[in-house]
Amino acid sequence: VILFVTYAFAILGVLIIVEPMQRIHADLTNSADKQRIEETLVILDGLDKFMFTLIQVLIQDSFHAFMREIVHFLPGSWMFFYAYIAIACLVLMNLVTAIIVENAMEQSNLDHVLLDAENSAKEKREMKNLNNLFNAMDQDASGTLSWDEFQLSFADADMRKRWRVLDFQPEDCKELFNLLDGGDGEIETSEFFDGLSRMKGVAQAKDVFRLQK
């Protein structure tokens, strides 16, 4: 983009600066002034030279000396160069801003991907832990939990620790069984996983689940 802007200004500069200076040079009789124009035209005569000079202007590389020479013959020419600086700097700022925004969006997308992967891994771990807990409670391997099996899990010290990790205390045993039970007096695998997944860790979630029941 900055190259295109420089190219466009170089074409314009040849038309409004180089060609008028060449005409002035042809009309001059003063040899000193002729030499001043000739020395200035050395860095301006041609698109490639003018583009290089504009880059020198853009990076503030001691351009005032030759600009004063140009202004001496074309008084309003300084506006051309400062207009180029203003537009080129605006383009550069937009480019930098675009790069920063793009990098920020890429980082944000990467963070979302990593977060999704982390959540997915966490969910798999939680489901594995629930599955291990269910299997440990299901003493007769029937695939369902009776009230006796359920309350025994709260009496067992090891499984009681697992329940506490899920934010359930021994006094929650009866209420929790009733919440998870679909009404047939036993808790099926799907009822166990679905109910605990929606309730675990947050006390308010239990209240919401209770209302839904």
C-alpha atoms as a PDB file:
ATOM      1  CA  VAL A   1       0.000   0.000   0.000  1.00  0.00           C
ATOM      2  CA  ILE A   2       2.744   2.479   0.952  1.00  0.00           C
ATOM      3  CA  LEU A   3       4.497   1.635  -2.310  1.00  0.00           C
ATOM      4  CA  PHE A   4       1.347   2.454  -4.267  1.00  0.00           C
ATOM      5  CA  VAL A   5       0.949   5.788  -2.437  1.00  0.00           C
ATOM      6  CA  THR A   6       4.612   6.634  -3.128  1.00  0.00           C
ATOM      7  CA  TYR A   7       4.214   5.682  -6.788  1.00  0.00           C
ATOM      8  CA  ALA A   8       1.104   7.843  -7.162  1.00  0.00           C
ATOM      9  CA  PHE A   9       2.778  10.843  -5.533  1.00  0.00           C
ATOM     10  CA  ALA A  10       5.878  10.345  -7.685  1.00  0.00           C
ATOM     11  CA  ILE A  11       3.744  10.564 -10.843  1.00  0.00           C
ATOM     12  CA  LEU A  12       2.052  13.676  -9.483  1.00  0.00           C
ATOM     13  CA  GLY A  13       5.397  15.135  -8.441  1.00  0.00           C
ATOM     14  CA  VAL A  14       6.841  14.709 -11.925  1.00  0.00           C
ATOM     15  CA  LEU A  15       3.874  16.612 -13.325  1.00  0.00           C
ATOM     16  CA  ILE A  16       3.667  19.494 -10.840  1.00  0.00           C
ATOM     17  CA  ILE A  17       7.310  19.814  -9.772  1.00  0.00           C
ATOM     18  CA  VAL A  18       9.782  18.290 -12.238  1.00  0.00           C
ATOM     19  CA  GLU A  19       8.186  19.537 -15.447  1.00  0.00           C
ATOM     20  CA  PRO A  20       7.663  23.119 -14.167  1.00  0.00           C
ATOM     21  CA  MET A  21      11.289  23.176 -12.935  1.00  0.00           C
ATOM     22  CA  GLN A  22      12.483  21.986 -16.335  1.00  0.00           C
ATOM     23  CA  ARG A  23      10.562  24.825 -17.982  1.00  0.00           C
ATOM     24  CA  ILE A  24      12.004  27.300 -15.485  1.00  0.00           C
ATOM     25  CA  HIS A  25      15.457  25.899 -16.209  1.00  0.00           C
ATOM     26  CA  ALA A  26      14.965  26.428 -19.942  1.00  0.00           C
ATOM     27  CA  ASP A  27      13.934  30.065 -19.407  1.00  0.00           C
ATOM     28  CA  LEU A  28      16.712  30.972 -16.965  1.00  0.00           C
ATOM     29  CA  THR A  29      19.702  33.012 -18.051  1.00  0.00           C
ATOM     30  CA  ASN A  30      21.437  33.068 -14.684  1.00  0.00           C
ATOM     31  CA  SER A  31      24.027  30.293 -14.718  1.00  0.00           C
ATOM     32  CA  ALA A  32      24.015  29.968 -10.912  1.00  0.00           C
ATOM     33  CA  ASP A  33      20.254  29.389 -10.810  1.00  0.00           C
ATOM     34  CA  LYS A  34      20.516  26.973 -13.720  1.00  0.00           C
ATOM     35  CA  GLN A  35      23.089  24.959 -11.804  1.00  0.00           C
ATOM     36  CA  ARG A  36      20.899  24.944  -8.661  1.00  0.00           C
ATOM     37  CA  ILE A  37      17.963  23.523 -10.645  1.00  0.00           C
ATOM     38  CA  GLU A  38      20.174  20.985 -12.398  1.00  0.00           C
ATOM     39  CA  GLU A  39      21.535  19.743  -9.056  1.00  0.00           C
ATOM     40  CA  THR A  40      17.993  19.445  -7.706  1.00  0.00           C
ATOM     41  CA  LEU A  41      16.668  17.680 -10.798  1.00  0.00           C
ATOM     42  CA  VAL A  42      19.362  15.028 -10.377  1.00  0.00           C
ATOM     43  CA  ILE A  43      17.329  13.541  -7.484  1.00  0.00           C
ATOM     44  CA  LEU A  44      13.900  14.184  -9.027  1.00  0.00           C
ATOM     45  CA  ASP A  45      14.107  13.611 -12.774  1.00  0.00           C
ATOM     46  CA  GLY A  46      12.394  10.228 -13.276  1.00  0.00           C
ATOM     47  CA  LEU A  47       9.821   8.148 -11.411  1.00  0.00           C
ATOM     48  CA  ASP A  48      12.405   5.934  -9.737  1.00  0.00           C
ATOM     49  CA  LYS A  49      14.445   8.898  -8.500  1.00  0.00           C
ATOM     50  CA  PHE A  50      11.352  10.754  -7.325  1.00  0.00           C
ATOM     51  CA  MET A  51      10.091   7.687  -5.448  1.00  0.00           C
ATOM     52  CA  PHE A  52      13.448   7.295  -3.741  1.00  0.00           C
ATOM     53  CA  THR A  53      13.370  10.982  -2.775  1.00  0.00           C
ATOM     54  CA  LEU A  54       9.844  10.603  -1.375  1.00  0.00           C
ATOM     55  CA  ILE A  55      10.999   7.713   0.816  1.00  0.00           C
ATOM     56  CA  GLN A  56      13.806   9.964   2.024  1.00  0.00           C
ATOM     57  CA  VAL A  57      11.174  12.588   2.848  1.00  0.00           C
ATOM     58  CA  LEU A  58       9.005  10.010   4.641  1.00  0.00           C
ATOM     59  CA  ILE A  59      11.798   8.823   6.936  1.00  0.00           C
ATOM     60  CA  GLN A  60      12.845  12.445   7.600  1.00  0.00           C
ATOM     61  CA  ASP A  61      16.310  11.868   6.132  1.00  0.00           C
ATOM     62  CA  SER A  62      17.683  15.435   5.792  1.00  0.00           C
ATOM     63  CA  PHE A  63      15.169  16.412   3.135  1.00  0.00           C
ATOM     64  CA  HIS A  64      14.764  20.064   4.073  1.00  0.00           C
ATOM     65  CA  ALA A  65      17.931  21.068   2.213  1.00  0.00           C
ATOM     66  CA  PHE A  66      16.717  20.030  -1.254  1.00  0.00           C
ATOM     67  CA  MET A  67      13.143  21.061  -0.414  1.00  0.00           C
ATOM     68  CA  ARG A  68      14.368  24.604   0.164  1.00  0.00           C
ATOM     69  CA  GLU A  69      15.964  24.511  -3.264  1.00  0.00           C
ATOM     70  CA  ILE A  70      12.665  23.416  -4.816  1.00  0.00           C
ATOM     71  CA  VAL A  71      10.662  26.014  -2.839  1.00  0.00           C
ATOM     72  CA  HIS A  72      13.044  28.680  -4.093  1.00  0.00           C
ATOM     73  CA  PHE A  73      11.727  28.110  -7.623  1.00  0.00           C
ATOM     74  CA  LEU A  74       8.258  26.708  -6.796  1.00  0.00           C
ATOM     75  CA  PRO A  75       7.101  28.464  -3.575  1.00  0.00           C
ATOM     76  CA  GLY A  76       4.078  26.235  -2.924  1.00  0.00           C
ATOM     77  CA  SER A  77       5.838  22.948  -3.534  1.00  0.00           C
ATOM     78  CA  TRP A  78       6.409  22.293   0.189  1.00  0.00           C
ATOM     79  CA  MET A  79       2.685  21.509   0.533  1.00  0.00           C
ATOM     80  CA  PHE A  80       3.111  18.584  -1.863  1.00  0.00           C
ATOM     81  CA  PHE A  81       5.785  16.964   0.281  1.00  0.00           C
ATOM     82  CA  TYR A  82       3.959  17.476   3.556  1.00  0.00           C
ATOM     83  CA  ALA A  83       0.757  16.125   2.021  1.00  0.00           C
ATOM     84  CA  TYR A  84       2.717  13.006   1.075  1.00  0.00           C
ATOM     85  CA  ILE A  85       4.074  12.691   4.620  1.00  0.00           C
ATOM     86  CA  ALA A  86       0.582  13.049   6.119  1.00  0.00           C
ATOM     87  CA  ILE A  87      -1.053  10.491   3.809  1.00  0.00           C
ATOM     88  CA  ALA A  88       1.851   8.025   3.988  1.00  0.00           C
ATOM     89  CA  CYS A  89       1.937   8.201   7.800  1.00  0.00           C
ATOM     90  CA  LEU A  90      -1.834   7.668   7.916  1.00  0.00           C
ATOM     91  CA  VAL A  91      -1.457   4.603   5.699  1.00  0.00           C
ATOM     92  CA  LEU A  92       1.376   3.284   7.853  1.00  0.00           C
ATOM     93  CA  MET A  93      -0.634   3.788  11.050  1.00  0.00           C
ATOM     94  CA  ASN A  94      -3.582   1.948   9.511  1.00  0.00           C
ATOM     95  CA  LEU A  95      -1.281  -0.882   8.473  1.00  0.00           C
ATOM     96  CA  VAL A  96       0.234  -1.117  11.951  1.00  0.00           C
ATOM     97  CA  THR A  97      -3.225  -1.001  13.518  1.00  0.00           C
ATOM     98  CA  ALA A  98      -4.463  -3.703  11.147  1.00  0.00           C
ATOM     99  CA  ILE A  99      -1.477  -5.910  12.004  1.00  0.00           C
ATOM    100  CA  ILE A 100      -2.010  -5.403  15.743  1.00  0.00           C
ATOM    101  CA  VAL A 101      -5.738  -6.145  15.459  1.00  0.00           C
ATOM    102  CA  GLU A 102      -5.091  -9.219  13.312  1.00  0.00           C
ATOM    103  CA  ASN A 103      -2.510 -10.538  15.778  1.00  0.00           C
ATOM    104  CA  ALA A 104      -4.883  -9.866  18.662  1.00  0.00           C
ATOM    105  CA  MET A 105      -7.693 -11.745  16.890  1.00  0.00           C
ATOM    106  CA  GLU A 106      -5.385 -14.662  16.101  1.00  0.00           C
ATOM    107  CA  GLN A 107      -4.278 -14.783  19.735  1.00  0.00           C
ATOM    108  CA  SER A 108      -7.890 -14.589  20.883  1.00  0.00           C
ATOM    109  CA  ASN A 109      -8.866 -17.439  18.544  1.00  0.00           C
ATOM    110  CA  LEU A 110      -5.898 -19.462  19.785  1.00  0.00           C
ATOM    111  CA  ASP A 111      -6.945 -18.801  23.386  1.00  0.00           C
ATOM    112  CA  HIS A 112     -10.473 -19.992  22.559  1.00  0.00           C
ATOM    113  CA  VAL A 113      -9.104 -23.154  20.951  1.00  0.00           C
ATOM    114  CA  LEU A 114      -6.877 -23.846  23.948  1.00  0.00           C
ATOM    115  CA  LEU A 115      -9.736 -23.115  26.339  1.00  0.00           C
ATOM    116  CA  ASP A 116     -12.068 -25.435  24.428  1.00  0.00           C
ATOM    117  CA  ALA A 117      -9.423 -28.153  24.469  1.00  0.00           C
ATOM    118  CA  GLU A 118      -8.856 -27.637  28.195  1.00  0.00           C
ATOM    119  CA  ASN A 119     -12.594 -27.725  28.916  1.00  0.00           C
ATOM    120  CA  SER A 120     -12.981 -30.847  26.787  1.00  0.00           C
ATOM    121  CA  ALA A 121     -10.145 -32.572  28.644  1.00  0.00           C
ATOM    122  CA  LYS A 122     -11.601 -31.458  31.978  1.00  0.00           C
ATOM    123  CA  GLU A 123     -15.026 -32.783  31.008  1.00  0.00           C
ATOM    124  CA  LYS A 124     -13.532 -36.131  30.023  1.00  0.00           C
ATOM    125  CA  ARG A 125     -11.718 -36.356  33.361  1.00  0.00           C
ATOM    126  CA  GLU A 126     -14.909 -35.514  35.249  1.00  0.00           C
ATOM    127  CA  MET A 127     -16.914 -38.098  33.326  1.00  0.00           C
ATOM    128  CA  LYS A 128     -14.218 -40.680  34.004  1.00  0.00           C
ATOM    129  CA  ASN A 129     -14.302 -39.846  37.717  1.00  0.00           C
ATOM    130  CA  LEU A 130     -18.108 -40.108  37.779  1.00  0.00           C
ATOM    131  CA  ASN A 131     -17.945 -43.400  35.941  1.00  0.00           C
ATOM    132  CA  ASN A 132     -15.400 -44.744  38.455  1.00  0.00           C
ATOM    133  CA  LEU A 133     -17.593 -43.531  41.321  1.00  0.00           C
ATOM    134  CA  PHE A 134     -20.687 -45.183  39.833  1.00  0.00           C
ATOM    135  CA  ASN A 135     -18.886 -48.493  39.291  1.00  0.00           C
ATOM    136  CA  ALA A 136     -17.535 -48.411  42.842  1.00  0.00           C
ATOM    137  CA  MET A 137     -21.057 -47.824  44.202  1.00  0.00           C
ATOM    138  CA  ASP A 138     -22.722 -50.439  41.975  1.00  0.00           C
ATOM    139  CA  GLN A 139     -21.782 -53.447  44.086  1.00  0.00           C
ATOM    140  CA  ASP A 140     -23.993 -55.942  42.250  1.00  0.00           C
ATOM    141  CA  ALA A 141     -22.914 -54.621  38.810  1.00  0.00           C
ATOM    142  CA  SER A 142     -26.565 -54.248  37.792  1.00  0.00           C
ATOM    143  CA  GLY A 143     -26.009 -50.913  36.056  1.00  0.00           C
ATOM    144  CA  THR A 144     -28.313 -49.190  38.529  1.00  0.00           C
ATOM    145  CA  LEU A 145     -27.906 -47.896  42.075  1.00  0.00           C
ATOM    146  CA  SER A 146     -30.335 -48.939  44.785  1.00  0.00           C
ATOM    147  CA  TRP A 147     -30.900 -46.865  47.913  1.00  0.00           C
ATOM    148  CA  ASP A 148     -28.803 -49.320  49.939  1.00  0.00           C
ATOM    149  CA  GLU A 149     -25.860 -49.019  47.544  1.00  0.00           C
ATOM    150  CA  PHE A 150     -26.224 -45.267  47.424  1.00  0.00           C
ATOM    151  CA  GLN A 151     -26.205 -44.713  51.194  1.00  0.00           C
ATOM    152  CA  LEU A 152     -23.315 -47.148  51.658  1.00  0.00           C
ATOM    153  CA  SER A 153     -21.164 -44.932  49.464  1.00  0.00           C
ATOM    154  CA  PHE A 154     -21.535 -42.117  52.003  1.00  0.00           C
ATOM    155  CA  ALA A 155     -20.609 -44.507  54.815  1.00  0.00           C
ATOM    156  CA  ASP A 156     -17.398 -45.578  53.076  1.00  0.00           C
ATOM    157  CA  ALA A 157     -14.497 -43.239  53.978  1.00  0.00           C
ATOM    158  CA  ASP A 158     -12.845 -43.365  50.523  1.00  0.00           C
ATOM    159  CA  MET A 159     -16.046 -42.713  48.575  1.00  0.00           C
ATOM    160  CA  ARG A 160     -17.072 -40.052  51.075  1.00  0.00           C
ATOM    161  CA  LYS A 161     -13.942 -38.128  50.032  1.00  0.00           C
ATOM    162  CA  ARG A 162     -15.039 -38.398  46.412  1.00  0.00           C
ATOM    163  CA  TRP A 163     -18.453 -37.012  47.307  1.00  0.00           C
ATOM    164  CA  ARG A 164     -16.847 -34.076  49.127  1.00  0.00           C
ATOM    165  CA  VAL A 165     -14.801 -33.285  46.013  1.00  0.00           C
ATOM    166  CA  LEU A 166     -18.156 -32.984  44.220  1.00  0.00           C
ATOM    167  CA  ASP A 167     -19.379 -30.691  47.063  1.00  0.00           C
ATOM    168  CA  PHE A 168     -21.758 -33.221  48.616  1.00  0.00           C
ATOM    169  CA  GLN A 169     -21.830 -34.029  52.319  1.00  0.00           C
ATOM    170  CA  PRO A 170     -23.206 -37.139  54.101  1.00  0.00           C
ATOM    171  CA  GLU A 171     -26.290 -35.174  55.155  1.00  0.00           C
ATOM    172  CA  ASP A 172     -27.088 -34.661  51.460  1.00  0.00           C
ATOM    173  CA  CYS A 173     -27.397 -38.390  50.868  1.00  0.00           C
ATOM    174  CA  LYS A 174     -31.166 -38.873  51.039  1.00  0.00           C
ATOM    175  CA  GLU A 175     -32.048 -35.646  49.213  1.00  0.00           C
ATOM    176  CA  LEU A 176     -29.476 -36.332  46.524  1.00  0.00           C
ATOM    177  CA  PHE A 177     -30.811 -39.831  45.937  1.00  0.00           C
ATOM    178  CA  ASN A 178     -34.347 -38.486  45.554  1.00  0.00           C
ATOM    179  CA  LEU A 179     -33.136 -35.809  43.107  1.00  0.00           C
ATOM    180  CA  LEU A 180     -31.270 -38.313  40.961  1.00  0.00           C
ATOM    181  CA  ASP A 181     -33.920 -41.033  41.115  1.00  0.00           C
ATOM    182  CA  GLY A 182     -36.282 -40.948  38.163  1.00  0.00           C
ATOM    183  CA  GLY A 183     -39.101 -42.344  40.310  1.00  0.00           C
ATOM    184  CA  ASP A 184     -38.489 -46.089  40.151  1.00  0.00           C
ATOM    185  CA  GLY A 185     -36.449 -46.306  43.348  1.00  0.00           C
ATOM    186  CA  GLU A 186     -33.155 -46.858  41.507  1.00  0.00           C
ATOM    187  CA  ILE A 187     -30.680 -44.537  39.805  1.00  0.00           C
ATOM    188  CA  GLU A 188     -29.731 -45.464  36.291  1.00  0.00           C
ATOM    189  CA  THR A 189     -26.391 -44.592  34.722  1.00  0.00           C
ATOM    190  CA  SER A 190     -27.825 -41.767  32.610  1.00  0.00           C
ATOM    191  CA  GLU A 191     -29.654 -40.290  35.614  1.00  0.00           C
ATOM    192  CA  PHE A 192     -26.485 -40.427  37.683  1.00  0.00           C
ATOM    193  CA  PHE A 193     -24.224 -38.780  35.099  1.00  0.00           C
ATOM    194  CA  ASP A 194     -26.735 -36.191  33.925  1.00  0.00           C
ATOM    195  CA  GLY A 195     -27.848 -35.162  37.399  1.00  0.00           C
ATOM    196  CA  LEU A 196     -24.396 -34.877  38.951  1.00  0.00           C
ATOM    197  CA  SER A 197     -22.995 -33.089  35.884  1.00  0.00           C
ATOM    198  CA  ARG A 198     -25.659 -30.420  36.303  1.00  0.00           C
ATOM    199  CA  MET A 199     -25.365 -30.150  40.102  1.00  0.00           C
ATOM    200  CA  LYS A 200     -21.762 -30.686  41.091  1.00  0.00           C
ATOM    201  CA  GLY A 201     -19.579 -27.960  42.497  1.00  0.00           C
ATOM    202  CA  VAL A 202     -22.165 -25.197  42.899  1.00  0.00           C
ATOM    203  CA  ALA A 203     -24.674 -25.191  45.742  1.00  0.00           C
ATOM    204  CA  GLN A 204     -27.105 -23.029  43.795  1.00  0.00           C
ATOM    205  CA  ALA A 205     -27.068 -25.567  40.975  1.00  0.00           C
ATOM    206  CA  LYS A 206     -28.567 -28.094  43.358  1.00  0.00           C
ATOM    207  CA  ASP A 207     -31.412 -25.724  44.125  1.00  0.00           C
ATOM    208  CA  VAL A 208     -32.053 -25.158  40.429  1.00  0.00           C
ATOM    209  CA  PHE A 209     -32.005 -28.895  39.773  1.00  0.00           C
ATOM    210  CA  ARG A 210     -34.418 -29.402  42.702  1.00  0.00           C
ATOM    211  CA  LEU A 211     -36.856 -26.944  41.157  1.00  0.00           C
ATOM    212  CA  GLN A 212     -36.570 -28.650  37.779  1.00  0.00           C
ATOM    213  CA  LYS A 213     -37.467 -31.966  39.427  1.00  0.00           C
END
